[in-house]
Amino acid sequence: MDKWGGAANFTEEIKQWTNLHGLSQTPTYTDSPQPGHTRTRYGGSGGTAPVEAISMQGVPHNLPVDAAQAIRFFGLDSTAPPSSPPPTSPPPSTPPPPTGACRVAYAVNAWNTGLTTSVTITNTDTIPVDGWSLAFTLPAGQTITGGWNASYAPASGAVTARNVAYNATIAPNASVSIGFQATHTGNTGRPTSFTLNGSPCAVA
């Protein structure tokens, strides 16, 4: 949370982060972790919701730092990805069908040793994609710690993001937004190429 600009900037930051993750600005969870603090979560109710905001009443510009909560939010207190179930591979006898034209937009928001990504997959073909897997190679030193709207495996190197039940079909000229949190060792770059069901995608 940023208190430097007051309530107006706080509201704008919530708008920006929920927009980045494709989430509603209506909280999915609200509580008061301590007197004078109001915590709202977006896109989930647990401790690893994609967006969490804490409004503090009666505090100076030097905000109190709760390192344990920051470590919990970024999933650094767990050895397993905190916000997604273990990825499952499709049965070998039913691979996703080949895909024609596609486009990928990939945005990175990085800080110290962490980053989040927003990935938009657009079907630029004339037929629907029914079941998809997006393959890409993460830059060295990046390791996925959690994700949303897809399953990811493995956590580093040559990664495959696979659809979940509610976004398996991408209609012609339609898009699907996915993303993940990751740690990094200094390289915050993005993958250089993507393939959707084995077919190369244009990179926006």
Protein backbone atom coordinates (compact mmCIF):
# COMPACT_ATOMS: atom_id res chain seq x y z
CA MET A 1 0.00 0.00 0.00
CA ASP A 2 1.11 3.55 -0.69
CA LYS A 3 0.02 6.29 1.73
CA TRP A 4 2.13 9.05 0.18
CA GLY A 5 -0.66 10.42 -1.96
CA GLY A 6 -3.54 9.79 0.43
CA ALA A 7 -6.89 8.16 -0.25
CA ALA A 8 -7.16 9.25 -3.90
CA ASN A 9 -3.86 7.63 -4.90
CA PHE A 10 -4.71 4.56 -2.82
CA THR A 11 -7.94 4.12 -4.81
CA GLU A 12 -6.09 4.64 -8.10
CA GLU A 13 -3.50 2.02 -7.14
CA ILE A 14 -6.27 -0.50 -6.47
CA LYS A 15 -7.72 0.30 -9.90
CA GLN A 16 -4.32 -0.17 -11.58
CA TRP A 17 -3.48 -3.48 -9.88
CA THR A 18 -6.94 -5.01 -10.36
CA ASN A 19 -6.85 -3.91 -14.01
CA LEU A 20 -3.40 -5.49 -14.45
CA HIS A 21 -4.76 -8.80 -13.16
CA GLY A 22 -8.10 -8.52 -15.00
CA LEU A 23 -10.05 -8.41 -11.72
CA SER A 24 -13.14 -6.59 -10.52
CA GLN A 25 -12.58 -3.54 -8.30
CA THR A 26 -15.16 -4.99 -5.90
CA PRO A 27 -13.34 -6.73 -3.02
CA THR A 28 -13.86 -10.48 -2.68
CA TYR A 29 -12.84 -10.30 0.99
CA THR A 30 -12.65 -7.56 3.62
CA ASP A 31 -11.41 -7.70 7.22
CA SER A 32 -9.65 -5.64 9.89
CA PRO A 33 -6.34 -7.32 10.79
CA GLN A 34 -5.83 -4.79 13.61
CA PRO A 35 -7.59 -1.66 14.92
CA GLY A 36 -7.64 1.17 12.37
CA HIS A 37 -6.59 -1.11 9.49
CA THR A 38 -8.96 -2.21 6.72
CA ARG A 39 -7.72 -4.98 4.42
CA THR A 40 -9.40 -5.75 1.10
CA ARG A 41 -8.55 -8.61 -1.25
CA TYR A 42 -9.38 -8.93 -4.92
CA GLY A 43 -9.52 -12.11 -7.00
CA GLY A 44 -9.45 -14.37 -3.94
CA SER A 45 -10.07 -14.45 -0.20
CA GLY A 46 -6.94 -16.24 1.04
CA GLY A 47 -3.52 -14.95 1.99
CA THR A 48 -2.23 -15.18 -1.58
CA ALA A 49 -5.03 -13.31 -3.38
CA PRO A 50 -3.57 -11.58 -6.49
CA VAL A 51 -4.28 -8.09 -5.11
CA GLU A 52 -4.37 -7.05 -1.45
CA ALA A 53 -4.78 -3.50 -0.15
CA ILE A 54 -4.53 -2.25 3.44
CA SER A 55 -5.89 1.16 4.44
CA MET A 56 -4.39 2.48 7.69
CA GLN A 57 -5.99 5.21 9.77
CA GLY A 58 -3.95 7.58 11.95
CA VAL A 59 -0.48 6.59 10.76
CA PRO A 60 2.28 8.94 9.52
CA HIS A 61 3.89 8.78 6.09
CA ASN A 62 6.50 6.43 7.56
CA LEU A 63 4.37 3.31 7.25
CA PRO A 64 4.92 0.45 9.69
CA VAL A 65 6.52 -2.53 7.93
CA ASP A 66 5.23 -6.03 8.64
CA ALA A 67 7.85 -8.19 6.95
CA ALA A 68 6.05 -11.43 7.80
CA GLN A 69 2.94 -10.28 5.91
CA ALA A 70 5.01 -9.24 2.87
CA ILE A 71 6.75 -12.63 2.85
CA ARG A 72 3.35 -14.37 3.14
CA PHE A 73 1.79 -12.31 0.33
CA PHE A 74 4.56 -13.13 -2.16
CA GLY A 75 4.46 -16.81 -1.24
CA LEU A 76 8.05 -16.83 0.00
CA ASP A 77 7.10 -18.75 3.16
CA SER A 78 6.08 -21.80 1.17
CA THR A 79 8.02 -24.22 -1.00
CA ALA A 80 4.95 -24.93 -3.14
CA PRO A 81 3.15 -22.46 -5.44
CA PRO A 82 0.74 -20.74 -3.01
CA SER A 83 -2.17 -19.85 -5.26
CA SER A 84 -2.51 -22.62 -7.79
CA PRO A 85 -3.04 -26.37 -7.47
CA PRO A 86 -0.33 -28.73 -8.68
CA PRO A 87 -0.33 -28.67 -12.47
CA THR A 88 -1.65 -31.68 -14.30
CA SER A 89 -0.67 -32.81 -17.76
CA PRO A 90 -3.30 -33.74 -20.33
CA PRO A 91 -3.53 -37.46 -21.10
CA PRO A 92 -0.94 -38.42 -23.72
CA SER A 93 -3.64 -39.79 -26.02
CA THR A 94 -5.53 -36.47 -26.18
CA PRO A 95 -3.06 -33.62 -26.81
CA PRO A 96 -4.50 -30.17 -27.51
CA PRO A 97 -5.37 -29.76 -31.18
CA PRO A 98 -2.99 -27.76 -33.37
CA THR A 99 -3.62 -24.02 -33.36
CA GLY A 100 -3.35 -21.52 -36.19
CA ALA A 101 -2.61 -17.83 -35.79
CA CYS A 102 -2.18 -16.35 -32.31
CA ARG A 103 -0.76 -13.28 -30.58
CA VAL A 104 0.71 -12.90 -27.09
CA ALA A 105 1.05 -9.68 -25.07
CA TYR A 106 3.36 -10.04 -22.05
CA ALA A 107 3.81 -7.32 -19.40
CA VAL A 108 6.18 -7.47 -16.42
CA ASN A 109 5.94 -5.51 -13.16
CA ALA A 110 9.19 -6.07 -11.23
CA TRP A 111 10.63 -5.04 -7.87
CA ASN A 112 13.74 -6.04 -5.84
CA THR A 113 13.68 -9.85 -6.16
CA GLY A 114 10.10 -10.40 -7.34
CA LEU A 115 7.84 -9.76 -10.29
CA THR A 116 4.35 -10.34 -11.60
CA THR A 117 3.33 -10.84 -15.20
CA SER A 118 0.17 -10.22 -17.17
CA VAL A 119 -0.12 -12.44 -20.25
CA THR A 120 -2.86 -12.01 -22.87
CA ILE A 121 -3.35 -14.78 -25.44
CA THR A 122 -5.37 -13.76 -28.51
CA ASN A 123 -6.73 -16.22 -31.07
CA THR A 124 -6.21 -14.46 -34.41
CA ASP A 125 -7.36 -17.50 -36.38
CA THR A 126 -10.84 -18.02 -37.85
CA ILE A 127 -11.64 -21.14 -35.81
CA PRO A 128 -11.96 -21.54 -32.02
CA VAL A 129 -9.16 -22.97 -29.90
CA ASP A 130 -10.61 -25.74 -27.73
CA GLY A 131 -8.06 -26.64 -25.07
CA TRP A 132 -4.72 -24.84 -25.09
CA SER A 133 -1.17 -24.90 -23.80
CA LEU A 134 1.18 -21.92 -24.08
CA ALA A 135 4.88 -22.78 -24.10
CA PHE A 136 7.68 -20.29 -23.39
CA THR A 137 11.11 -20.16 -21.76
CA LEU A 138 11.62 -17.94 -18.71
CA PRO A 139 14.85 -15.92 -18.55
CA ALA A 140 17.53 -17.44 -16.31
CA GLY A 141 16.99 -16.78 -12.61
CA GLN A 142 13.18 -16.43 -12.78
CA THR A 143 11.10 -18.97 -10.82
CA ILE A 144 7.30 -19.04 -10.69
CA THR A 145 5.86 -19.07 -7.15
CA GLY A 146 2.16 -18.86 -7.97
CA GLY A 147 -0.22 -18.14 -10.83
CA TRP A 148 -3.79 -17.51 -11.89
CA ASN A 149 -6.11 -18.56 -14.74
CA ALA A 150 -3.72 -21.37 -15.81
CA SER A 151 -1.55 -24.18 -14.41
CA TYR A 152 2.21 -23.79 -14.82
CA ALA A 153 4.91 -26.46 -15.02
CA PRO A 154 7.76 -26.55 -14.40
CA ALA A 155 8.41 -23.45 -12.27
CA SER A 156 11.44 -22.29 -14.28
CA GLY A 157 13.15 -22.81 -17.62
CA ALA A 158 10.91 -24.13 -20.40
CA VAL A 159 7.44 -23.54 -18.93
CA THR A 160 4.04 -24.67 -20.20
CA ALA A 161 0.89 -22.82 -19.09
CA ARG A 162 -2.25 -24.93 -19.56
CA ASN A 163 -5.86 -23.80 -19.53
CA VAL A 164 -8.16 -24.32 -16.58
CA ALA A 165 -11.74 -25.53 -16.96
CA TYR A 166 -13.38 -22.11 -17.32
CA ASN A 167 -11.09 -20.70 -20.06
CA ALA A 168 -10.35 -23.73 -22.25
CA THR A 169 -12.01 -22.26 -25.35
CA ILE A 170 -10.73 -19.12 -27.10
CA ALA A 171 -13.11 -17.96 -29.82
CA PRO A 172 -11.78 -16.32 -33.01
CA ASN A 173 -10.51 -12.78 -32.24
CA ALA A 174 -11.06 -13.40 -28.51
CA SER A 175 -8.45 -13.31 -25.75
CA VAL A 176 -7.63 -15.04 -22.47
CA SER A 177 -5.68 -13.30 -19.70
CA ILE A 178 -3.39 -15.28 -17.40
CA GLY A 179 -0.48 -14.37 -15.14
CA PHE A 180 1.90 -15.42 -12.42
CA GLN A 181 4.17 -14.27 -9.60
CA ALA A 182 7.87 -15.12 -9.73
CA THR A 183 11.14 -14.48 -7.98
CA HIS A 184 14.21 -13.35 -9.94
CA THR A 185 17.94 -12.94 -9.43
CA GLY A 186 18.28 -9.73 -11.43
CA ASN A 187 16.98 -10.58 -14.90
CA THR A 188 13.42 -9.23 -15.17
CA GLY A 189 13.14 -9.70 -18.93
CA ARG A 190 10.43 -11.57 -20.76
CA PRO A 191 10.47 -14.69 -22.92
CA THR A 192 11.50 -14.12 -26.53
CA SER A 193 8.94 -16.47 -28.14
CA PHE A 194 5.69 -18.30 -27.44
CA THR A 195 3.92 -21.26 -29.01
CA LEU A 196 0.22 -22.04 -28.59
CA ASN A 197 -0.47 -25.76 -28.99
CA GLY A 198 2.83 -26.00 -30.86
CA SER A 199 2.21 -23.10 -33.27
CA PRO A 200 4.38 -19.96 -32.99
CA CYS A 201 2.58 -16.80 -31.86
CA ALA A 202 3.24 -13.20 -32.78
CA VAL A 203 4.52 -11.17 -29.81
CA ALA A 204 2.76 -7.86 -29.20
